[in-house]
C-alpha atoms as a PDB file:
ATOM      1  CA  UNK A   1       0.004   0.002   0.000  1.00  0.00           C
ATOM      2  CA  UNK A   2       2.798   2.449   0.778  1.00  0.00           C
ATOM      3  CA  UNK A   3       4.222   2.145  -2.753  1.00  0.00           C
ATOM      4  CA  UNK A   4       1.021   3.598  -4.183  1.00  0.00           C
ATOM      5  CA  UNK A   5       1.266   6.962  -2.442  1.00  0.00           C
ATOM      6  CA  UNK A   6       4.372   8.184  -4.271  1.00  0.00           C
ATOM      7  CA  UNK A   7       2.862   7.152  -7.607  1.00  0.00           C
ATOM      8  CA  UNK A   8      -0.403   8.899  -6.750  1.00  0.00           C
ATOM      9  CA  UNK A   9       1.499  12.035  -5.747  1.00  0.00           C
ATOM     10  CA  UNK A  10       3.399  11.916  -9.038  1.00  0.00           C
ATOM     11  CA  UNK A  11       0.143  11.819 -11.010  1.00  0.00           C
ATOM     12  CA  UNK A  12      -1.232  14.684  -8.935  1.00  0.00           C
ATOM     13  CA  UNK A  13       1.877  16.742  -9.676  1.00  0.00           C
ATOM     14  CA  UNK A  14       1.611  15.910 -13.376  1.00  0.00           C
ATOM     15  CA  UNK A  15      -2.015  17.063 -13.394  1.00  0.00           C
ATOM     16  CA  UNK A  16      -0.953  20.363 -11.807  1.00  0.00           C
ATOM     17  CA  UNK A  17       1.798  20.762 -14.381  1.00  0.00           C
ATOM     18  CA  UNK A  18      -0.645  20.168 -17.232  1.00  0.00           C
ATOM     19  CA  UNK A  19      -3.008  22.774 -15.780  1.00  0.00           C
ATOM     20  CA  UNK A  20      -0.130  25.262 -15.780  1.00  0.00           C
ATOM     21  CA  UNK A  21       0.202  24.762 -19.538  1.00  0.00           C
ATOM     22  CA  UNK A  22      -3.023  26.740 -19.987  1.00  0.00           C
ATOM     23  CA  UNK A  23      -1.486  29.823 -18.359  1.00  0.00           C
ATOM     24  CA  UNK A  24       1.813  29.413 -20.169  1.00  0.00           C
ATOM     25  CA  UNK A  25       0.064  29.153 -23.552  1.00  0.00           C
ATOM     26  CA  UNK A  26      -2.326  32.028 -22.793  1.00  0.00           C
ATOM     27  CA  UNK A  27       0.568  34.330 -21.936  1.00  0.00           C
ATOM     28  CA  UNK A  28       0.354  35.640 -25.478  1.00  0.00           C
ATOM     29  CA  UNK A  29      -2.369  37.954 -24.248  1.00  0.00           C
ATOM     30  CA  UNK A  30       0.238  39.855 -22.237  1.00  0.00           C
ATOM     31  CA  UNK A  31       3.678  38.822 -23.498  1.00  0.00           C
ATOM     32  CA  UNK A  32       5.254  39.041 -26.954  1.00  0.00           C
ATOM     33  CA  UNK A  33       5.587  35.831 -28.999  1.00  0.00           C
ATOM     34  CA  UNK A  34       9.294  35.347 -28.203  1.00  0.00           C
ATOM     35  CA  UNK A  35       8.504  35.365 -24.483  1.00  0.00           C
ATOM     36  CA  UNK A  36       5.659  32.874 -24.906  1.00  0.00           C
ATOM     37  CA  UNK A  37       7.987  30.534 -26.813  1.00  0.00           C
ATOM     38  CA  UNK A  38      10.522  30.873 -23.997  1.00  0.00           C
ATOM     39  CA  UNK A  39       7.882  30.081 -21.390  1.00  0.00           C
ATOM     40  CA  UNK A  40       6.754  27.015 -23.351  1.00  0.00           C
ATOM     41  CA  UNK A  41      10.347  25.809 -23.579  1.00  0.00           C
ATOM     42  CA  UNK A  42      10.686  26.177 -19.809  1.00  0.00           C
ATOM     43  CA  UNK A  43       7.405  24.267 -19.399  1.00  0.00           C
ATOM     44  CA  UNK A  44       8.712  21.442 -21.618  1.00  0.00           C
ATOM     45  CA  UNK A  45      11.973  21.265 -19.655  1.00  0.00           C
ATOM     46  CA  UNK A  46       9.988  21.000 -16.431  1.00  0.00           C
ATOM     47  CA  UNK A  47       7.945  18.210 -18.016  1.00  0.00           C
ATOM     48  CA  UNK A  48      11.129  16.266 -18.810  1.00  0.00           C
ATOM     49  CA  UNK A  49      12.345  16.804 -15.248  1.00  0.00           C
ATOM     50  CA  UNK A  50       9.003  15.576 -13.949  1.00  0.00           C
ATOM     51  CA  UNK A  51       9.079  12.493 -16.135  1.00  0.00           C
ATOM     52  CA  UNK A  52      12.551  11.650 -14.856  1.00  0.00           C
ATOM     53  CA  UNK A  53      11.324  12.091 -11.280  1.00  0.00           C
ATOM     54  CA  UNK A  54       8.764   9.327 -11.799  1.00  0.00           C
ATOM     55  CA  UNK A  55      11.365   6.605 -11.295  1.00  0.00           C
ATOM     56  CA  UNK A  56      13.670   8.347  -8.849  1.00  0.00           C
ATOM     57  CA  UNK A  57      11.602  10.462  -6.471  1.00  0.00           C
ATOM     58  CA  UNK A  58       7.960  10.518  -7.582  1.00  0.00           C
ATOM     59  CA  UNK A  59       6.699  12.571  -4.640  1.00  0.00           C
ATOM     60  CA  UNK A  60       8.962  15.460  -5.711  1.00  0.00           C
ATOM     61  CA  UNK A  61       6.745  15.912  -8.754  1.00  0.00           C
ATOM     62  CA  UNK A  62       4.491  17.957  -6.476  1.00  0.00           C
ATOM     63  CA  UNK A  63       7.142  20.689  -6.586  1.00  0.00           C
ATOM     64  CA  UNK A  64       6.921  21.062 -10.374  1.00  0.00           C
ATOM     65  CA  UNK A  65       3.553  22.950 -10.351  1.00  0.00           C
ATOM     66  CA  UNK A  66       4.948  25.232  -7.636  1.00  0.00           C
ATOM     67  CA  UNK A  67       7.954  25.984  -9.847  1.00  0.00           C
ATOM     68  CA  UNK A  68       5.544  26.476 -12.772  1.00  0.00           C
ATOM     69  CA  UNK A  69       3.661  29.196 -10.906  1.00  0.00           C
ATOM     70  CA  UNK A  70       6.824  30.865  -9.628  1.00  0.00           C
ATOM     71  CA  UNK A  71       8.397  30.994 -13.110  1.00  0.00           C
ATOM     72  CA  UNK A  72       5.241  32.213 -14.807  1.00  0.00           C
ATOM     73  CA  UNK A  73       4.501  34.932 -12.259  1.00  0.00           C
ATOM     74  CA  UNK A  74       8.161  35.984 -12.230  1.00  0.00           C
ATOM     75  CA  UNK A  75       8.472  36.237 -16.001  1.00  0.00           C
ATOM     76  CA  UNK A  76       5.159  38.006 -16.542  1.00  0.00           C
ATOM     77  CA  UNK A  77       5.759  40.405 -13.646  1.00  0.00           C
ATOM     78  CA  UNK A  78       9.296  41.189 -14.799  1.00  0.00           C
ATOM     79  CA  UNK A  79       8.068  41.746 -18.348  1.00  0.00           C
ATOM     80  CA  UNK A  80       5.353  44.062 -17.147  1.00  0.00           C
ATOM     81  CA  UNK A  81       7.691  45.991 -14.881  1.00  0.00           C
ATOM     82  CA  UNK A  82      10.828  46.265 -17.013  1.00  0.00           C
ATOM     83  CA  UNK A  83       9.638  45.716 -20.601  1.00  0.00           C
ATOM     84  CA  UNK A  84       6.239  47.407 -20.264  1.00  0.00           C
ATOM     85  CA  UNK A  85       4.157  44.459 -21.411  1.00  0.00           C
ATOM     86  CA  UNK A  86       0.443  45.225 -21.186  1.00  0.00           C
ATOM     87  CA  UNK A  87      -2.708  43.351 -22.015  1.00  0.00           C
END
C-alpha cells in the first residue's frame, strides 16, 4: 500500500503541471511571442524533469507545479515591470 502513495502524488503533480500549460500558452495575451515561446520551452523542460522524477523520487513531482507558478509569475511580472508588457 505504501508504494502507491508516491505514484499517486506523481500523477497529482503531473495534473498540476498540465493545468499550468493553460497559463503558459495564454501568456500571449500579455507577453510578446518570443517570451511565450521561451515560457513554453521552460514548461517542456519541467515536463522532462518531472518524467525523470517518476522513477527516482515521484513525490517530488508535487514541486513542479509550484515551480511552474513561480516561473510564470516571475516572467510576466518582470516583463510588465521592465519591458512594459500590457494586455
